[in-house]
Amino acid sequence: MPNATQPLHAGAPSARRIPKASPKNSSWSLKDAIANGWIKPASVYGYFPAQSQGNDVIVYDPAAYASDGASLREIARFHFPRMVGRERLCLADYIRSTDSGDVDVLPLQVVTVGQEATRHFDKLQSANEYTEAYYSHGLSVEAAEAVAEWMHRRIKSDLGTESGKRYSWGYGACPDLDDHAVVFRLLPAKEALDMDLTEAMQLLPEQSTAAVIIHHPAAKYFAVRGLTGDANAAETVDPNVGAVRAAAGEISLAEARSDT
């Protein structure tokens, strides 16, 4: 399935919370942001055939797979660390494995509210309007999160499922920001959204997010809190995970494509 670029109307996603302690016509208000265009929600997203192998998720060329429903040409790979102790969870556990013979679907998304939000903040800071700068920054961050949630719901609707979680790099389950470079190779974030990465692999503009969507019904949020080596990967992957996936009726790539 091809990648998609999704421009969003500024009023489509709803900001979760707007601070109350401000004048009615303050420049950080959502109304002003829309009227003056300093919040411009947009996103790119795509669905990729994928399988897991130990702690890795292998991403295949969607065009090659779509050509015959069988060609698996690796174009990228994500390495997800495994939780130390407790349940020893790893995001790769929620993706169908190479041993299963089944191909899964891996949705990816990148969203932003645009460069103008940063320029607006810098302009207020330069004018010593620190309170309004603070509120405008908070609004743009909240708007980016709202767009990410809106996009996640769109993806779940495309897949015909209500299950699953959205994981962003730099947080508990996938702390490695270097994977942002992999996402940028797979999705046209630079070309379509005018985004970039810092030397530390942070997203630019700041008010942006990148995420992998895990649609397995048993997926949950967790923090790795340490790493395990690949030498233990084979024995740490729970052999019952595949059975749980099958029993839960996890959507495969072929099933997802038939629903769209």
Protein backbone atom coordinates (compact mmCIF):
# COMPACT_ATOMS: atom_id res chain seq x y z
CA MET A 1 0.00 0.00 0.00
CA PRO A 2 1.51 3.37 -0.95
CA ASN A 3 2.46 6.02 1.54
CA ALA A 4 -0.02 8.80 2.06
CA THR A 5 0.37 12.48 2.75
CA GLN A 6 -2.46 13.86 4.82
CA PRO A 7 -2.96 17.64 5.04
CA LEU A 8 -5.36 18.34 7.86
CA HIS A 9 -7.78 21.21 8.29
CA ALA A 10 -6.71 23.22 11.29
CA GLY A 11 -10.06 22.64 12.96
CA ALA A 12 -10.13 18.86 12.45
CA PRO A 13 -8.09 17.69 15.42
CA SER A 14 -9.17 19.13 18.74
CA ALA A 15 -6.62 20.48 21.21
CA ARG A 16 -7.01 18.65 24.50
CA ARG A 17 -6.57 21.55 26.86
CA ILE A 18 -6.23 25.29 26.44
CA PRO A 19 -4.96 27.38 29.38
CA LYS A 20 -7.64 29.61 30.89
CA ALA A 21 -5.64 32.46 32.40
CA SER A 22 -5.43 34.70 29.36
CA PRO A 23 -7.22 37.61 27.67
CA LYS A 24 -9.99 36.59 25.31
CA ASN A 25 -8.12 37.80 22.21
CA SER A 26 -4.64 36.75 23.28
CA SER A 27 -2.35 35.83 20.39
CA TRP A 28 -1.76 32.32 21.70
CA SER A 29 -5.46 31.35 21.35
CA LEU A 30 -6.52 28.61 18.99
CA LYS A 31 -8.70 31.07 17.08
CA ASP A 32 -5.70 33.31 16.44
CA ALA A 33 -3.53 30.34 15.47
CA ILE A 34 -6.01 29.32 12.81
CA ALA A 35 -6.70 32.85 11.60
CA ASN A 36 -3.02 33.76 11.30
CA GLY A 37 -1.79 30.37 10.14
CA TRP A 38 0.89 29.68 12.73
CA ILE A 39 -0.49 26.21 13.41
CA LYS A 40 -0.74 24.14 10.23
CA PRO A 41 -1.43 20.48 11.04
CA ALA A 42 -0.20 17.95 8.48
CA SER A 43 1.02 14.37 8.40
CA VAL A 44 2.50 11.58 6.34
CA TYR A 45 1.78 7.94 7.01
CA GLY A 46 2.17 4.55 5.41
CA TYR A 47 1.55 0.84 5.77
CA PHE A 48 4.45 -1.55 5.35
CA PRO A 49 4.66 -5.35 5.19
CA ALA A 50 6.76 -6.50 8.14
CA GLN A 51 7.87 -9.45 10.24
CA SER A 52 9.75 -9.78 13.51
CA GLN A 53 13.01 -11.64 14.03
CA GLY A 54 14.09 -11.76 17.66
CA ASN A 55 14.10 -8.15 18.85
CA ASP A 56 14.09 -6.76 15.30
CA VAL A 57 11.22 -5.74 13.06
CA ILE A 58 12.06 -6.21 9.38
CA VAL A 59 10.31 -3.81 6.99
CA TYR A 60 9.73 -4.99 3.43
CA ASP A 61 9.23 -3.11 0.18
CA PRO A 62 5.45 -2.56 -0.12
CA ALA A 63 5.59 -2.28 -3.92
CA ALA A 64 7.41 -5.60 -4.29
CA TYR A 65 5.00 -7.31 -1.89
CA ALA A 66 1.94 -5.84 -3.59
CA SER A 67 3.14 -7.08 -6.97
CA ASP A 68 2.60 -10.74 -6.12
CA GLY A 69 1.68 -10.98 -2.43
CA ALA A 70 4.86 -12.91 -1.68
CA SER A 71 8.03 -10.94 -2.51
CA LEU A 72 9.81 -9.91 0.68
CA ARG A 73 12.62 -7.44 -0.05
CA GLU A 74 14.01 -5.90 3.13
CA ILE A 75 14.25 -2.10 2.96
CA ALA A 76 14.66 -1.23 6.64
CA ARG A 77 14.97 -2.74 10.09
CA PHE A 78 14.05 -1.50 13.55
CA HIS A 79 15.80 -2.90 16.60
CA PHE A 80 13.66 -2.65 19.73
CA PRO A 81 15.21 -3.27 23.16
CA ARG A 82 13.71 -5.82 25.52
CA MET A 83 12.51 -5.05 29.01
CA VAL A 84 14.87 -6.27 31.72
CA GLY A 85 13.07 -8.43 34.28
CA ARG A 86 9.34 -8.60 34.86
CA GLU A 87 7.50 -9.47 31.62
CA ARG A 88 10.57 -8.98 29.38
CA LEU A 89 8.42 -7.23 26.80
CA CYS A 90 9.67 -6.01 23.42
CA LEU A 91 7.68 -4.29 20.67
CA ALA A 92 8.88 -6.92 18.20
CA ASP A 93 6.88 -9.52 20.14
CA TYR A 94 3.66 -7.96 18.83
CA ILE A 95 4.62 -8.42 15.16
CA ARG A 96 4.24 -11.77 13.40
CA SER A 97 7.59 -13.51 13.17
CA THR A 98 9.54 -14.79 10.19
CA ASP A 99 9.06 -18.31 11.60
CA SER A 100 5.26 -17.94 11.45
CA GLY A 101 5.23 -17.67 7.66
CA ASP A 102 2.71 -14.81 7.95
CA VAL A 103 3.38 -11.21 6.97
CA ASP A 104 2.12 -8.45 9.25
CA VAL A 105 1.34 -4.80 8.60
CA LEU A 106 3.37 -2.03 10.25
CA PRO A 107 1.84 1.46 10.13
CA LEU A 108 4.15 4.46 10.58
CA GLN A 109 3.17 8.10 10.97
CA VAL A 110 4.85 11.50 11.22
CA VAL A 111 2.84 14.59 12.16
CA THR A 112 3.68 18.24 12.65
CA VAL A 113 2.01 21.62 13.15
CA GLY A 114 4.61 23.31 10.97
CA GLN A 115 7.53 25.70 11.12
CA GLU A 116 5.35 28.75 11.73
CA ALA A 117 4.61 27.65 15.30
CA THR A 118 8.32 27.89 16.13
CA ARG A 119 8.67 31.22 14.34
CA HIS A 120 5.67 32.59 16.23
CA PHE A 121 7.17 31.49 19.54
CA ASP A 122 10.54 33.05 18.69
CA LYS A 123 8.84 36.30 17.67
CA LEU A 124 7.02 36.55 21.01
CA GLN A 125 10.22 35.73 22.90
CA SER A 126 12.11 38.45 21.04
CA ALA A 127 9.38 40.93 21.95
CA ASN A 128 9.68 39.94 25.64
CA GLU A 129 6.13 38.57 25.54
CA TYR A 130 7.15 35.62 27.66
CA THR A 131 3.72 34.67 28.96
CA GLU A 132 2.15 34.57 25.52
CA ALA A 133 5.21 32.77 24.17
CA TYR A 134 4.79 30.13 26.87
CA TYR A 135 1.12 29.66 26.08
CA SER A 136 1.67 29.61 22.31
CA HIS A 137 4.33 26.94 22.74
CA GLY A 138 2.00 24.88 24.94
CA LEU A 139 -0.81 25.19 22.44
CA SER A 140 1.36 24.10 19.52
CA VAL A 141 2.68 21.08 21.46
CA GLU A 142 -0.86 20.09 22.43
CA ALA A 143 -1.98 20.57 18.83
CA ALA A 144 0.78 18.26 17.59
CA GLU A 145 -0.30 15.59 20.06
CA ALA A 146 -3.94 16.03 19.00
CA VAL A 147 -2.95 15.58 15.34
CA ALA A 148 -0.98 12.44 16.26
CA GLU A 149 -4.02 10.98 18.01
CA TRP A 150 -6.30 11.96 15.11
CA MET A 151 -3.92 10.23 12.69
CA HIS A 152 -3.76 7.14 14.91
CA ARG A 153 -7.54 6.90 14.86
CA ARG A 154 -7.51 7.26 11.07
CA ILE A 155 -5.05 4.36 10.82
CA LYS A 156 -7.14 2.18 13.12
CA SER A 157 -10.16 2.96 10.98
CA ASP A 158 -8.23 1.99 7.82
CA LEU A 159 -7.25 -1.31 9.44
CA GLY A 160 -10.76 -1.96 10.72
CA THR A 161 -9.62 -2.34 14.31
CA GLU A 162 -10.04 -0.51 17.60
CA SER A 163 -7.05 -2.18 19.24
CA GLY A 164 -3.44 -1.16 19.41
CA LYS A 165 -1.11 1.50 20.72
CA ARG A 166 1.00 4.35 19.34
CA TYR A 167 4.70 4.38 20.31
CA SER A 168 7.03 7.33 19.75
CA TRP A 169 10.80 7.10 19.79
CA GLY A 170 12.56 8.58 22.78
CA TYR A 171 10.07 7.08 25.24
CA GLY A 172 9.94 3.94 27.37
CA ALA A 173 9.38 1.12 24.88
CA CYS A 174 11.55 2.51 22.05
CA PRO A 175 14.11 4.96 23.45
CA ASP A 176 16.49 5.05 20.45
CA LEU A 177 16.07 8.35 18.59
CA ASP A 178 18.37 7.10 15.81
CA ASP A 179 15.36 5.24 14.43
CA HIS A 180 13.94 8.60 13.35
CA ALA A 181 16.39 8.39 10.44
CA VAL A 182 14.85 5.06 9.41
CA VAL A 183 11.36 6.56 9.56
CA PHE A 184 12.48 9.48 7.39
CA ARG A 185 13.77 7.01 4.79
CA LEU A 186 10.42 5.24 4.71
CA LEU A 187 8.11 8.28 4.81
CA PRO A 188 8.53 11.57 2.89
CA ALA A 189 8.62 13.78 5.98
CA LYS A 190 11.28 16.08 4.52
CA GLU A 191 9.68 16.45 1.12
CA ALA A 192 6.03 16.65 2.13
CA LEU A 193 6.23 18.32 5.55
CA ASP A 194 9.46 20.33 5.30
CA MET A 195 10.77 18.55 8.39
CA ASP A 196 14.32 17.64 9.34
CA LEU A 197 16.42 15.97 12.03
CA THR A 198 19.01 17.48 14.34
CA GLU A 199 22.42 15.89 14.86
CA ALA A 200 20.91 14.27 17.96
CA MET A 201 18.07 12.88 15.80
CA GLN A 202 15.43 15.15 17.34
CA LEU A 203 12.55 16.17 15.09
CA LEU A 204 12.42 19.63 13.53
CA PRO A 205 10.20 21.52 13.98
CA GLU A 206 9.98 20.67 17.66
CA GLN A 207 6.19 20.50 17.63
CA SER A 208 6.16 17.21 15.72
CA THR A 209 5.96 13.51 16.49
CA ALA A 210 6.89 10.25 14.77
CA ALA A 211 5.36 6.96 15.79
CA VAL A 212 4.97 3.29 15.00
CA ILE A 213 1.50 1.84 15.42
CA ILE A 214 1.28 -1.61 16.99
CA HIS A 215 -2.23 -2.92 16.32
CA HIS A 216 -1.95 -6.14 18.35
CA PRO A 217 -4.85 -6.26 20.86
CA ALA A 218 -2.49 -7.21 23.70
CA ALA A 219 -0.11 -4.28 23.09
CA LYS A 220 0.50 -2.05 26.10
CA TYR A 221 2.81 0.73 27.17
CA PHE A 222 5.94 -0.16 29.10
CA ALA A 223 9.42 1.13 29.85
CA VAL A 224 12.49 -0.90 28.97
CA ARG A 225 14.57 0.47 31.90
CA GLY A 226 17.71 -1.22 30.60
CA LEU A 227 18.74 -3.37 27.66
CA THR A 228 19.33 -7.05 26.99
CA GLY A 229 21.76 -8.38 24.41
CA ASP A 230 20.85 -10.07 21.16
CA ALA A 231 22.48 -13.28 22.36
CA ASN A 232 19.45 -13.84 24.55
CA ALA A 233 16.88 -12.88 21.95
CA ALA A 234 15.94 -16.41 20.95
CA GLU A 235 15.29 -17.57 24.48
CA THR A 236 13.60 -14.37 25.70
CA VAL A 237 10.90 -14.30 23.03
CA ASP A 238 7.88 -15.99 24.53
CA PRO A 239 6.90 -18.96 22.31
CA ASN A 240 3.26 -18.45 23.30
CA VAL A 241 3.07 -14.96 21.82
CA GLY A 242 2.24 -16.33 18.37
CA ALA A 243 -0.62 -18.37 19.77
CA VAL A 244 -1.96 -15.33 21.59
CA ARG A 245 -1.83 -13.34 18.35
CA ALA A 246 -3.72 -16.03 16.44
CA ALA A 247 -6.33 -16.44 19.15
CA ALA A 248 -6.84 -12.67 19.26
CA GLY A 249 -7.37 -12.53 15.50
CA GLU A 250 -4.53 -10.12 14.74
CA ILE A 251 -4.81 -8.47 11.34
CA SER A 252 -2.27 -9.60 8.75
CA LEU A 253 -1.14 -7.47 5.82
CA ALA A 254 -3.36 -9.38 3.41
CA GLU A 255 -6.38 -8.91 5.70
CA ALA A 256 -5.65 -5.22 6.15
CA ARG A 257 -5.35 -4.70 2.42
CA SER A 258 -8.66 -6.43 1.79
CA ASP A 259 -10.37 -3.98 4.18
CA THR A 260 -9.13 -0.87 2.38
